[in-house]
Amino acid sequence: MGQSKALYAVGKVVCKPIFKLLYRYITVIEQPLPLEGGLIIASNHISNSDPVLLGLSQKKRRLFFMAKIELFKNKFFGALIRALGAFPVERGAGDGKAIKTGEDLIRDGEIMTIFIEGGRSKTGELMRPRSGCALVAQQMQVPVVPACITIVGNKKHTFAKRVIHFGKPLTPEKLGLTPDSGRRELKGATTMIMDEIKRMREQDLIEYKKG
């Protein structure tokens, strides 16, 4: 895929102080990610800074992301974000190629990050989850780590303070997903993942709202 580990590492070093200054973000990790093995991170999505904030919040594992295909039209920028772990997806088109790329990453022991709502929330509030995350977890039989990005400052402020919260891994067994699972099981797993994201959001709004 052309991702550069060196560029990814340098990018984190450069971006961390900038994003700390801009967003004053706090990281909450309920259980450290395993040091190896493929898995999925399922997060909500509130701004274009989310992939960077999620990546900066994990020190020992590198994250890969689906990114809307429009971002790759500029050849230089497209090459850069590819090097940093992004790969294109054509939203709303059932992009099988992007899903296969994500599954290949998981098969290679990497972390695929999915924005479970299928798009960015313009209000900062949680939106209806899509079943794509549960589908990949079911097909690959890997755990899903729910993640929640919560604005705890003035929502109208571009650089409002954020909490980046990672929950405990949800195994396929806990999600009720087997290789033969159908739509009902996928819907149940999707609801379970989103319920965890809601729990973290409510917890962080109470604990950090004065910050």
N, C-alpha and C. Protein backbone atom coordinates (compact mmCIF):
# COMPACT_ATOMS: atom_id res chain seq x y z
N MET A 1 0.80 -1.22 0.00
CA MET A 1 0.00 0.00 0.00
C MET A 1 0.84 1.27 0.00
N GLY A 2 2.13 1.14 0.22
CA GLY A 2 2.99 2.29 0.12
C GLY A 2 3.11 3.12 1.39
N GLN A 3 2.61 2.63 2.51
CA GLN A 3 2.74 3.40 3.73
C GLN A 3 4.18 3.36 4.22
N SER A 4 4.63 4.49 4.75
CA SER A 4 5.99 4.59 5.25
C SER A 4 5.97 4.63 6.77
N LYS A 5 6.59 3.64 7.41
CA LYS A 5 6.66 3.62 8.86
C LYS A 5 7.46 4.79 9.38
N ALA A 6 8.54 5.14 8.65
CA ALA A 6 9.38 6.26 9.07
C ALA A 6 8.61 7.58 9.01
N LEU A 7 7.87 7.78 7.92
CA LEU A 7 7.09 9.01 7.77
C LEU A 7 5.98 9.07 8.81
N TYR A 8 5.39 7.92 9.10
CA TYR A 8 4.34 7.86 10.12
C TYR A 8 4.91 8.28 11.47
N ALA A 9 6.09 7.76 11.81
CA ALA A 9 6.72 8.08 13.09
C ALA A 9 7.09 9.56 13.16
N VAL A 10 7.65 10.09 12.09
CA VAL A 10 8.02 11.50 12.05
C VAL A 10 6.78 12.38 12.15
N GLY A 11 5.72 11.96 11.45
CA GLY A 11 4.48 12.72 11.48
C GLY A 11 3.91 12.83 12.88
N LYS A 12 4.00 11.75 13.66
CA LYS A 12 3.50 11.77 15.03
C LYS A 12 4.31 12.73 15.89
N VAL A 13 5.63 12.72 15.70
CA VAL A 13 6.49 13.61 16.48
C VAL A 13 6.17 15.07 16.17
N VAL A 14 5.94 15.37 14.90
CA VAL A 14 5.66 16.74 14.48
C VAL A 14 4.26 17.18 14.91
N CYS A 15 3.29 16.27 14.75
CA CYS A 15 1.89 16.65 15.00
C CYS A 15 1.53 16.72 16.48
N LYS A 16 2.16 15.92 17.31
CA LYS A 16 1.73 15.83 18.71
C LYS A 16 1.72 17.18 19.44
N PRO A 17 2.83 17.95 19.43
CA PRO A 17 2.78 19.23 20.16
C PRO A 17 1.79 20.22 19.56
N ILE A 18 1.62 20.16 18.24
CA ILE A 18 0.67 21.07 17.57
C ILE A 18 -0.75 20.75 17.99
N PHE A 19 -1.10 19.46 17.97
CA PHE A 19 -2.46 19.07 18.30
C PHE A 19 -2.73 19.20 19.80
N LYS A 20 -1.70 19.02 20.62
CA LYS A 20 -1.85 19.24 22.07
C LYS A 20 -2.18 20.70 22.34
N LEU A 21 -1.51 21.58 21.60
CA LEU A 21 -1.75 23.01 21.77
C LEU A 21 -3.13 23.41 21.26
N LEU A 22 -3.50 22.89 20.10
CA LEU A 22 -4.77 23.28 19.48
C LEU A 22 -5.98 22.70 20.21
N TYR A 23 -5.91 21.40 20.55
CA TYR A 23 -7.09 20.71 21.07
C TYR A 23 -7.01 20.38 22.57
N ARG A 24 -5.82 20.52 23.17
CA ARG A 24 -5.63 20.21 24.59
C ARG A 24 -6.27 18.86 24.93
N TYR A 25 -6.06 17.90 24.04
CA TYR A 25 -6.76 16.62 24.16
C TYR A 25 -6.25 15.77 25.31
N ILE A 26 -7.17 14.99 25.86
CA ILE A 26 -6.88 14.05 26.94
C ILE A 26 -7.14 12.64 26.40
N THR A 27 -6.27 11.71 26.72
CA THR A 27 -6.44 10.33 26.28
C THR A 27 -6.85 9.44 27.45
N VAL A 28 -7.90 8.67 27.25
CA VAL A 28 -8.35 7.69 28.26
C VAL A 28 -8.32 6.32 27.60
N ILE A 29 -7.58 5.38 28.19
CA ILE A 29 -7.46 4.03 27.65
C ILE A 29 -7.86 3.03 28.74
N GLU A 30 -9.01 2.41 28.57
CA GLU A 30 -9.50 1.49 29.60
C GLU A 30 -8.69 0.20 29.64
N GLN A 31 -8.16 -0.20 28.50
CA GLN A 31 -7.34 -1.41 28.43
C GLN A 31 -6.38 -1.25 27.26
N PRO A 32 -5.06 -1.37 27.50
CA PRO A 32 -4.10 -1.20 26.40
C PRO A 32 -4.38 -2.18 25.26
N LEU A 33 -4.15 -1.72 24.04
CA LEU A 33 -4.32 -2.60 22.89
C LEU A 33 -3.27 -3.70 22.93
N PRO A 34 -3.60 -4.89 22.47
CA PRO A 34 -2.57 -5.94 22.36
C PRO A 34 -1.45 -5.45 21.46
N LEU A 35 -0.24 -5.88 21.74
CA LEU A 35 0.92 -5.38 21.01
C LEU A 35 1.01 -5.94 19.60
N GLU A 36 0.26 -6.97 19.32
CA GLU A 36 0.26 -7.53 17.97
C GLU A 36 -1.09 -8.17 17.68
N GLY A 37 -1.33 -8.40 16.40
CA GLY A 37 -2.58 -9.02 16.00
C GLY A 37 -3.56 -8.02 15.41
N GLY A 38 -4.29 -8.47 14.39
CA GLY A 38 -5.26 -7.62 13.73
C GLY A 38 -6.48 -7.35 14.58
N LEU A 39 -7.02 -6.15 14.48
CA LEU A 39 -8.24 -5.80 15.17
C LEU A 39 -8.84 -4.56 14.51
N ILE A 40 -10.02 -4.18 14.99
CA ILE A 40 -10.72 -3.01 14.47
C ILE A 40 -10.93 -2.00 15.59
N ILE A 41 -10.71 -0.73 15.28
CA ILE A 41 -11.12 0.35 16.17
C ILE A 41 -12.34 0.99 15.54
N ALA A 42 -13.43 1.07 16.29
CA ALA A 42 -14.67 1.68 15.81
C ALA A 42 -14.91 2.98 16.56
N SER A 43 -14.87 4.09 15.83
CA SER A 43 -14.97 5.40 16.47
C SER A 43 -16.11 6.23 15.88
N ASN A 44 -16.58 7.18 16.67
CA ASN A 44 -17.45 8.21 16.11
C ASN A 44 -16.58 9.20 15.32
N HIS A 45 -17.21 10.15 14.65
CA HIS A 45 -16.45 11.04 13.75
C HIS A 45 -17.05 12.44 13.82
N ILE A 46 -16.26 13.40 14.35
CA ILE A 46 -16.78 14.76 14.51
C ILE A 46 -16.00 15.82 13.74
N SER A 47 -14.76 15.50 13.31
CA SER A 47 -14.00 16.50 12.55
C SER A 47 -12.90 15.82 11.74
N ASN A 48 -12.31 16.58 10.82
CA ASN A 48 -11.25 16.05 9.98
C ASN A 48 -9.98 15.74 10.77
N SER A 49 -9.90 16.24 12.00
CA SER A 49 -8.73 15.99 12.84
C SER A 49 -8.79 14.64 13.54
N ASP A 50 -9.93 13.96 13.47
CA ASP A 50 -10.12 12.72 14.22
C ASP A 50 -9.06 11.65 13.95
N PRO A 51 -8.72 11.36 12.68
CA PRO A 51 -7.71 10.32 12.44
C PRO A 51 -6.38 10.63 13.11
N VAL A 52 -5.98 11.90 13.07
CA VAL A 52 -4.71 12.28 13.69
C VAL A 52 -4.79 12.13 15.20
N LEU A 53 -5.88 12.58 15.79
CA LEU A 53 -6.03 12.48 17.25
C LEU A 53 -6.05 11.03 17.72
N LEU A 54 -6.72 10.18 16.98
CA LEU A 54 -6.75 8.76 17.34
C LEU A 54 -5.35 8.15 17.22
N GLY A 55 -4.66 8.48 16.13
CA GLY A 55 -3.32 7.94 15.93
C GLY A 55 -2.35 8.42 17.00
N LEU A 56 -2.42 9.70 17.37
CA LEU A 56 -1.53 10.24 18.39
C LEU A 56 -1.79 9.64 19.76
N SER A 57 -3.01 9.17 19.98
CA SER A 57 -3.40 8.65 21.30
C SER A 57 -2.95 7.21 21.53
N GLN A 58 -2.45 6.56 20.49
CA GLN A 58 -1.93 5.20 20.62
C GLN A 58 -0.43 5.22 20.37
N LYS A 59 0.35 4.96 21.42
CA LYS A 59 1.80 5.09 21.32
C LYS A 59 2.47 3.88 20.67
N LYS A 60 1.93 2.68 20.88
CA LYS A 60 2.65 1.48 20.48
C LYS A 60 2.10 0.80 19.24
N ARG A 61 0.92 1.20 18.78
CA ARG A 61 0.35 0.58 17.59
C ARG A 61 0.06 1.64 16.54
N ARG A 62 0.23 1.27 15.31
CA ARG A 62 -0.04 2.15 14.18
C ARG A 62 -1.45 1.89 13.67
N LEU A 63 -2.17 2.97 13.37
CA LEU A 63 -3.54 2.85 12.92
C LEU A 63 -3.66 3.12 11.41
N PHE A 64 -4.56 2.40 10.77
CA PHE A 64 -4.85 2.62 9.35
C PHE A 64 -6.31 3.07 9.23
N PHE A 65 -6.57 3.93 8.23
CA PHE A 65 -7.89 4.54 8.10
C PHE A 65 -8.41 4.49 6.67
N MET A 66 -9.73 4.35 6.55
CA MET A 66 -10.38 4.64 5.29
C MET A 66 -10.55 6.15 5.19
N ALA A 67 -10.31 6.71 4.01
CA ALA A 67 -10.49 8.15 3.80
C ALA A 67 -11.27 8.37 2.51
N LYS A 68 -12.13 9.37 2.50
CA LYS A 68 -12.95 9.62 1.31
C LYS A 68 -12.07 9.86 0.10
N ILE A 69 -12.49 9.32 -1.02
CA ILE A 69 -11.67 9.29 -2.22
C ILE A 69 -11.31 10.68 -2.73
N GLU A 70 -12.13 11.68 -2.39
CA GLU A 70 -11.86 13.05 -2.83
C GLU A 70 -10.52 13.58 -2.33
N LEU A 71 -10.08 13.08 -1.16
CA LEU A 71 -8.82 13.55 -0.59
C LEU A 71 -7.60 13.09 -1.38
N PHE A 72 -7.79 12.12 -2.26
CA PHE A 72 -6.67 11.57 -3.01
C PHE A 72 -6.53 12.20 -4.41
N LYS A 73 -7.41 13.14 -4.74
CA LYS A 73 -7.36 13.74 -6.07
C LYS A 73 -6.11 14.58 -6.27
N ASN A 74 -5.65 15.24 -5.21
CA ASN A 74 -4.37 15.94 -5.27
C ASN A 74 -3.26 14.91 -5.12
N LYS A 75 -2.43 14.76 -6.14
CA LYS A 75 -1.44 13.68 -6.16
C LYS A 75 -0.47 13.76 -4.98
N PHE A 76 -0.02 14.97 -4.65
CA PHE A 76 0.95 15.10 -3.56
C PHE A 76 0.30 14.74 -2.23
N PHE A 77 -0.88 15.35 -1.97
CA PHE A 77 -1.56 15.10 -0.70
C PHE A 77 -2.01 13.65 -0.61
N GLY A 78 -2.46 13.11 -1.76
CA GLY A 78 -2.89 11.72 -1.79
C GLY A 78 -1.75 10.78 -1.44
N ALA A 79 -0.55 11.05 -2.00
CA ALA A 79 0.61 10.21 -1.70
C ALA A 79 1.01 10.33 -0.23
N LEU A 80 0.87 11.55 0.32
CA LEU A 80 1.25 11.77 1.72
C LEU A 80 0.34 11.01 2.67
N ILE A 81 -0.98 11.13 2.46
CA ILE A 81 -1.86 10.46 3.42
C ILE A 81 -1.83 8.94 3.23
N ARG A 82 -1.52 8.48 2.02
CA ARG A 82 -1.30 7.04 1.83
C ARG A 82 -0.12 6.58 2.67
N ALA A 83 0.95 7.37 2.66
CA ALA A 83 2.14 7.02 3.44
C ALA A 83 1.85 7.01 4.93
N LEU A 84 0.85 7.79 5.35
CA LEU A 84 0.50 7.87 6.76
C LEU A 84 -0.59 6.88 7.17
N GLY A 85 -0.96 5.97 6.24
CA GLY A 85 -1.86 4.89 6.62
C GLY A 85 -3.27 5.00 6.11
N ALA A 86 -3.57 5.99 5.27
CA ALA A 86 -4.93 6.14 4.74
C ALA A 86 -5.07 5.40 3.42
N PHE A 87 -6.29 4.92 3.15
CA PHE A 87 -6.58 4.33 1.85
C PHE A 87 -7.98 4.76 1.43
N PRO A 88 -8.21 4.94 0.13
CA PRO A 88 -9.45 5.58 -0.34
C PRO A 88 -10.67 4.68 -0.28
N VAL A 89 -11.80 5.31 0.00
CA VAL A 89 -13.09 4.62 -0.05
C VAL A 89 -14.09 5.55 -0.72
N GLU A 90 -14.89 4.99 -1.59
CA GLU A 90 -15.94 5.75 -2.27
C GLU A 90 -17.20 5.60 -1.45
N ARG A 91 -17.51 6.63 -0.68
CA ARG A 91 -18.63 6.56 0.26
C ARG A 91 -19.96 6.42 -0.47
N GLY A 92 -20.82 5.58 0.12
CA GLY A 92 -22.15 5.40 -0.42
C GLY A 92 -22.21 4.48 -1.62
N ALA A 93 -21.06 3.88 -1.98
CA ALA A 93 -21.04 3.05 -3.18
C ALA A 93 -20.79 1.58 -2.86
N GLY A 94 -20.75 1.24 -1.56
CA GLY A 94 -20.47 -0.14 -1.18
C GLY A 94 -19.12 -0.57 -1.70
N ASP A 95 -18.09 0.24 -1.41
CA ASP A 95 -16.77 0.07 -1.99
C ASP A 95 -16.12 -1.23 -1.51
N GLY A 96 -16.27 -2.29 -2.31
CA GLY A 96 -15.72 -3.59 -1.94
C GLY A 96 -14.21 -3.61 -1.91
N LYS A 97 -13.57 -2.81 -2.79
CA LYS A 97 -12.11 -2.77 -2.83
C LYS A 97 -11.55 -2.23 -1.53
N ALA A 98 -12.17 -1.17 -1.00
CA ALA A 98 -11.70 -0.59 0.25
C ALA A 98 -11.88 -1.57 1.40
N ILE A 99 -13.01 -2.27 1.41
CA ILE A 99 -13.25 -3.27 2.46
C ILE A 99 -12.20 -4.37 2.38
N LYS A 100 -11.88 -4.81 1.16
CA LYS A 100 -10.86 -5.86 0.99
C LYS A 100 -9.50 -5.37 1.48
N THR A 101 -9.18 -4.09 1.20
CA THR A 101 -7.91 -3.53 1.68
C THR A 101 -7.86 -3.57 3.19
N GLY A 102 -8.96 -3.19 3.83
CA GLY A 102 -9.02 -3.24 5.29
C GLY A 102 -8.88 -4.64 5.83
N GLU A 103 -9.52 -5.59 5.17
CA GLU A 103 -9.43 -6.98 5.61
C GLU A 103 -8.01 -7.52 5.43
N ASP A 104 -7.34 -7.11 4.35
CA ASP A 104 -5.95 -7.52 4.14
C ASP A 104 -5.05 -6.97 5.24
N LEU A 105 -5.31 -5.74 5.66
CA LEU A 105 -4.53 -5.14 6.75
C LEU A 105 -4.72 -5.94 8.04
N ILE A 106 -5.96 -6.28 8.33
CA ILE A 106 -6.24 -7.06 9.54
C ILE A 106 -5.56 -8.42 9.44
N ARG A 107 -5.63 -9.02 8.27
CA ARG A 107 -5.00 -10.33 8.07
C ARG A 107 -3.49 -10.25 8.29
N ASP A 108 -2.91 -9.09 8.00
CA ASP A 108 -1.48 -8.88 8.20
C ASP A 108 -1.14 -8.45 9.62
N GLY A 109 -2.15 -8.45 10.49
CA GLY A 109 -1.90 -8.12 11.90
C GLY A 109 -1.96 -6.65 12.21
N GLU A 110 -2.57 -5.85 11.33
CA GLU A 110 -2.64 -4.41 11.55
C GLU A 110 -3.99 -4.00 12.14
N ILE A 111 -4.12 -2.70 12.44
CA ILE A 111 -5.35 -2.15 13.01
C ILE A 111 -6.09 -1.33 11.96
N MET A 112 -7.30 -1.73 11.68
CA MET A 112 -8.15 -0.98 10.77
C MET A 112 -9.10 -0.12 11.59
N THR A 113 -9.10 1.17 11.32
CA THR A 113 -9.97 2.09 12.04
C THR A 113 -11.17 2.45 11.17
N ILE A 114 -12.36 2.28 11.72
CA ILE A 114 -13.59 2.54 10.99
C ILE A 114 -14.42 3.57 11.75
N PHE A 115 -14.91 4.58 11.04
CA PHE A 115 -15.85 5.53 11.63
C PHE A 115 -17.24 4.93 11.47
N ILE A 116 -17.77 4.44 12.57
CA ILE A 116 -18.93 3.56 12.56
C ILE A 116 -20.20 4.23 12.03
N GLU A 117 -20.25 5.56 12.09
CA GLU A 117 -21.44 6.26 11.61
C GLU A 117 -21.45 6.43 10.09
N GLY A 118 -20.33 6.12 9.46
CA GLY A 118 -20.26 6.21 8.01
C GLY A 118 -20.03 7.61 7.47
N GLY A 119 -19.83 8.57 8.35
CA GLY A 119 -19.60 9.95 7.93
C GLY A 119 -19.37 10.83 9.14
N ARG A 120 -19.13 12.10 8.88
CA ARG A 120 -18.82 13.04 9.96
C ARG A 120 -20.07 13.74 10.46
N SER A 121 -20.21 13.79 11.78
CA SER A 121 -21.33 14.49 12.40
C SER A 121 -21.05 15.99 12.40
N LYS A 122 -21.96 16.76 11.83
CA LYS A 122 -21.77 18.21 11.76
C LYS A 122 -22.13 18.90 13.07
N THR A 123 -22.86 18.21 13.93
CA THR A 123 -23.28 18.80 15.20
C THR A 123 -22.44 18.34 16.39
N GLY A 124 -21.65 17.28 16.18
CA GLY A 124 -20.90 16.71 17.29
C GLY A 124 -21.68 15.64 18.03
N GLU A 125 -22.97 15.52 17.74
CA GLU A 125 -23.80 14.50 18.37
C GLU A 125 -23.61 13.17 17.62
N LEU A 126 -23.87 12.07 18.32
CA LEU A 126 -23.73 10.77 17.70
C LEU A 126 -24.83 10.53 16.68
N MET A 127 -24.49 9.85 15.60
CA MET A 127 -25.44 9.54 14.55
C MET A 127 -25.72 8.03 14.54
N ARG A 128 -26.63 7.63 13.67
CA ARG A 128 -26.99 6.21 13.57
C ARG A 128 -25.79 5.41 13.06
N PRO A 129 -25.44 4.31 13.72
CA PRO A 129 -24.29 3.51 13.27
C PRO A 129 -24.61 2.68 12.04
N ARG A 130 -23.58 2.39 11.26
CA ARG A 130 -23.72 1.51 10.10
C ARG A 130 -23.17 0.12 10.47
N SER A 131 -23.57 -0.88 9.73
CA SER A 131 -23.23 -2.26 10.08
C SER A 131 -21.90 -2.73 9.49
N GLY A 132 -21.22 -1.86 8.73
CA GLY A 132 -19.98 -2.27 8.07
C GLY A 132 -18.91 -2.75 9.02
N CYS A 133 -18.79 -2.10 10.17
CA CYS A 133 -17.79 -2.48 11.17
C CYS A 133 -18.06 -3.90 11.67
N ALA A 134 -19.30 -4.17 12.04
CA ALA A 134 -19.66 -5.51 12.53
C ALA A 134 -19.47 -6.55 11.44
N LEU A 135 -19.74 -6.18 10.20
CA LEU A 135 -19.57 -7.12 9.09
C LEU A 135 -18.11 -7.53 8.93
N VAL A 136 -17.20 -6.57 8.99
CA VAL A 136 -15.78 -6.89 8.88
C VAL A 136 -15.33 -7.73 10.07
N ALA A 137 -15.80 -7.38 11.28
CA ALA A 137 -15.45 -8.16 12.47
C ALA A 137 -15.95 -9.59 12.36
N GLN A 138 -17.14 -9.75 11.79
CA GLN A 138 -17.72 -11.08 11.62
C GLN A 138 -16.93 -11.89 10.60
N GLN A 139 -16.58 -11.26 9.49
CA GLN A 139 -15.86 -11.97 8.43
C GLN A 139 -14.44 -12.33 8.84
N MET A 140 -13.79 -11.43 9.60
CA MET A 140 -12.40 -11.64 9.97
C MET A 140 -12.25 -12.29 11.35
N GLN A 141 -13.34 -12.32 12.13
CA GLN A 141 -13.33 -12.89 13.47
C GLN A 141 -12.24 -12.27 14.35
N VAL A 142 -12.29 -10.93 14.42
CA VAL A 142 -11.34 -10.17 15.24
C VAL A 142 -12.12 -9.27 16.20
N PRO A 143 -11.48 -8.86 17.30
CA PRO A 143 -12.17 -7.97 18.25
C PRO A 143 -12.33 -6.55 17.73
N VAL A 144 -13.30 -5.87 18.30
CA VAL A 144 -13.55 -4.46 18.00
C VAL A 144 -13.30 -3.65 19.26
N VAL A 145 -12.48 -2.61 19.15
CA VAL A 145 -12.24 -1.71 20.27
C VAL A 145 -13.05 -0.42 20.01
N PRO A 146 -14.08 -0.16 20.83
CA PRO A 146 -14.85 1.07 20.64
C PRO A 146 -14.03 2.28 21.08
N ALA A 147 -14.16 3.36 20.35
CA ALA A 147 -13.46 4.60 20.69
C ALA A 147 -14.42 5.77 20.55
N CYS A 148 -14.26 6.75 21.41
CA CYS A 148 -15.15 7.90 21.37
C CYS A 148 -14.35 9.19 21.48
N ILE A 149 -14.60 10.09 20.54
CA ILE A 149 -14.00 11.43 20.58
C ILE A 149 -15.10 12.39 21.04
N THR A 150 -14.88 13.03 22.17
CA THR A 150 -15.90 13.88 22.76
C THR A 150 -15.39 15.31 22.90
N ILE A 151 -16.18 16.26 22.44
CA ILE A 151 -15.87 17.67 22.65
C ILE A 151 -16.37 18.06 24.03
N VAL A 152 -15.48 18.56 24.87
CA VAL A 152 -15.88 18.95 26.23
C VAL A 152 -15.75 20.45 26.43
N GLY A 153 -15.43 21.16 25.37
CA GLY A 153 -15.41 22.62 25.43
C GLY A 153 -16.57 23.18 24.64
N ASN A 154 -16.42 24.40 24.15
CA ASN A 154 -17.44 25.04 23.34
C ASN A 154 -17.51 24.37 21.98
N LYS A 155 -18.63 23.72 21.66
CA LYS A 155 -18.77 22.97 20.42
C LYS A 155 -18.63 23.85 19.19
N LYS A 156 -18.90 25.14 19.34
CA LYS A 156 -18.81 26.05 18.20
C LYS A 156 -17.37 26.47 17.91
N HIS A 157 -16.48 26.17 18.85
CA HIS A 157 -15.08 26.55 18.68
C HIS A 157 -14.36 25.46 17.89
N THR A 158 -13.68 25.85 16.84
CA THR A 158 -12.99 24.88 15.98
C THR A 158 -12.02 24.02 16.75
N PHE A 159 -11.34 24.61 17.71
CA PHE A 159 -10.30 23.88 18.45
C PHE A 159 -10.72 23.61 19.89
N ALA A 160 -11.99 23.28 20.06
CA ALA A 160 -12.49 22.95 21.40
C ALA A 160 -11.76 21.73 21.96
N LYS A 161 -11.65 21.69 23.28
CA LYS A 161 -10.95 20.59 23.96
C LYS A 161 -11.65 19.27 23.70
N ARG A 162 -10.86 18.21 23.58
CA ARG A 162 -11.40 16.89 23.26
C ARG A 162 -10.88 15.82 24.20
N VAL A 163 -11.71 14.80 24.40
CA VAL A 163 -11.30 13.59 25.12
C VAL A 163 -11.30 12.45 24.11
N ILE A 164 -10.17 11.74 24.03
CA ILE A 164 -10.04 10.59 23.14
C ILE A 164 -10.08 9.35 24.02
N HIS A 165 -11.16 8.60 23.95
CA HIS A 165 -11.42 7.51 24.90
C HIS A 165 -11.50 6.17 24.16
N PHE A 166 -10.67 5.23 24.60
CA PHE A 166 -10.68 3.88 24.03
C PHE A 166 -11.25 2.91 25.07
N GLY A 167 -12.26 2.15 24.67
CA GLY A 167 -12.86 1.18 25.57
C GLY A 167 -12.15 -0.16 25.54
N LYS A 168 -12.74 -1.13 26.19
CA LYS A 168 -12.18 -2.48 26.22
C LYS A 168 -12.57 -3.24 24.95
N PRO A 169 -11.70 -4.13 24.49
CA PRO A 169 -12.01 -4.89 23.27
C PRO A 169 -13.27 -5.72 23.42
N LEU A 170 -14.08 -5.73 22.38
CA LEU A 170 -15.27 -6.58 22.31
C LEU A 170 -14.95 -7.73 21.36
N THR A 171 -14.84 -8.93 21.90
CA THR A 171 -14.50 -10.09 21.08
C THR A 171 -15.69 -10.48 20.21
N PRO A 172 -15.44 -11.24 19.14
CA PRO A 172 -16.55 -11.73 18.32
C PRO A 172 -17.56 -12.50 19.15
N GLU A 173 -17.07 -13.26 20.14
CA GLU A 173 -17.97 -14.03 20.99
C GLU A 173 -18.90 -13.11 21.78
N LYS A 174 -18.32 -12.05 22.35
CA LYS A 174 -19.13 -11.11 23.12
C LYS A 174 -20.12 -10.38 22.23
N LEU A 175 -19.72 -10.11 21.00
CA LEU A 175 -20.60 -9.43 20.05
C LEU A 175 -21.64 -10.36 19.44
N GLY A 176 -21.48 -11.65 19.72
CA GLY A 176 -22.41 -12.63 19.17
C GLY A 176 -22.21 -12.88 17.69
N LEU A 177 -20.96 -12.75 17.24
CA LEU A 177 -20.66 -12.90 15.81
C LEU A 177 -19.90 -14.20 15.54
N THR A 178 -20.45 -15.02 14.70
CA THR A 178 -19.78 -16.22 14.21
C THR A 178 -19.65 -16.10 12.70
N PRO A 179 -18.86 -16.96 12.07
CA PRO A 179 -18.73 -16.89 10.61
C PRO A 179 -20.07 -17.02 9.88
N ASP A 180 -21.07 -17.59 10.54
CA ASP A 180 -22.36 -17.80 9.90
C ASP A 180 -23.42 -16.77 10.32
N SER A 181 -23.01 -15.73 11.03
CA SER A 181 -23.97 -14.75 11.52
C SER A 181 -24.71 -14.05 10.37
N GLY A 182 -25.96 -13.72 10.64
CA GLY A 182 -26.78 -13.03 9.65
C GLY A 182 -27.05 -11.60 10.04
N ARG A 183 -28.06 -11.00 9.39
CA ARG A 183 -28.37 -9.59 9.60
C ARG A 183 -28.75 -9.27 11.04
N ARG A 184 -29.50 -10.17 11.65
CA ARG A 184 -29.94 -9.94 13.03
C ARG A 184 -28.76 -9.83 13.98
N GLU A 185 -27.80 -10.74 13.82
CA GLU A 185 -26.61 -10.72 14.68
C GLU A 185 -25.75 -9.50 14.40
N LEU A 186 -25.66 -9.12 13.13
CA LEU A 186 -24.88 -7.93 12.76
C LEU A 186 -25.49 -6.67 13.38
N LYS A 187 -26.81 -6.60 13.36
CA LYS A 187 -27.50 -5.46 13.94
C LYS A 187 -27.27 -5.41 15.45
N GLY A 188 -27.34 -6.57 16.09
CA GLY A 188 -27.10 -6.63 17.54
C GLY A 188 -25.69 -6.22 17.90
N ALA A 189 -24.71 -6.68 17.11
CA ALA A 189 -23.31 -6.33 17.37
C ALA A 189 -23.08 -4.84 17.17
N THR A 190 -23.69 -4.29 16.12
CA THR A 190 -23.55 -2.85 15.85
C THR A 190 -24.11 -2.03 16.99
N THR A 191 -25.26 -2.45 17.51
CA THR A 191 -25.88 -1.76 18.64
C THR A 191 -24.99 -1.83 19.88
N MET A 192 -24.39 -2.99 20.11
CA MET A 192 -23.52 -3.16 21.28
C MET A 192 -22.30 -2.24 21.19
N ILE A 193 -21.69 -2.16 20.02
CA ILE A 193 -20.53 -1.28 19.83
C ILE A 193 -20.92 0.17 20.07
N MET A 194 -22.04 0.57 19.47
CA MET A 194 -22.47 1.97 19.61
C MET A 194 -22.87 2.29 21.03
N ASP A 195 -23.44 1.34 21.75
CA ASP A 195 -23.79 1.56 23.15
C ASP A 195 -22.55 1.85 23.99
N GLU A 196 -21.44 1.18 23.67
CA GLU A 196 -20.20 1.44 24.38
C GLU A 196 -19.68 2.84 24.07
N ILE A 197 -19.81 3.26 22.83
CA ILE A 197 -19.38 4.62 22.46
C ILE A 197 -20.24 5.65 23.18
N LYS A 198 -21.53 5.40 23.27
CA LYS A 198 -22.43 6.30 24.01
C LYS A 198 -22.06 6.36 25.48
N ARG A 199 -21.74 5.19 26.06
CA ARG A 199 -21.37 5.15 27.48
C ARG A 199 -20.14 6.00 27.75
N MET A 200 -19.13 5.86 26.89
CA MET A 200 -17.90 6.63 27.07
C MET A 200 -18.15 8.13 26.91
N ARG A 201 -18.99 8.47 25.94
CA ARG A 201 -19.30 9.89 25.72
C ARG A 201 -19.99 10.49 26.93
N GLU A 202 -20.99 9.80 27.47
CA GLU A 202 -21.71 10.31 28.63
C GLU A 202 -20.78 10.43 29.84
N GLN A 203 -19.91 9.45 30.01
CA GLN A 203 -18.96 9.47 31.12
C GLN A 203 -18.01 10.66 31.01
N ASP A 204 -17.50 10.91 29.81
CA ASP A 204 -16.52 11.98 29.61
C ASP A 204 -17.16 13.36 29.70
N LEU A 205 -18.40 13.49 29.26
CA LEU A 205 -19.09 14.76 29.37
C LEU A 205 -19.29 15.16 30.84
N ILE A 206 -19.55 14.16 31.67
CA ILE A 206 -19.73 14.44 33.11
C ILE A 206 -18.39 14.72 33.78
N GLU A 207 -17.39 13.90 33.46
CA GLU A 207 -16.11 14.00 34.17
C GLU A 207 -15.27 15.18 33.74
N TYR A 208 -15.36 15.57 32.47
CA TYR A 208 -14.45 16.59 31.95
C TYR A 208 -15.16 17.87 31.50
N LYS A 209 -16.46 18.01 31.75
CA LYS A 209 -17.20 19.15 31.23
C LYS A 209 -16.69 20.49 31.76
N LYS A 210 -16.12 20.48 32.97
CA LYS A 210 -15.61 21.74 33.54
C LYS A 210 -14.24 22.09 32.97
N GLY A 211 -13.62 21.11 32.31
CA GLY A 211 -12.28 21.37 31.77
C GLY A 211 -12.31 22.09 30.46
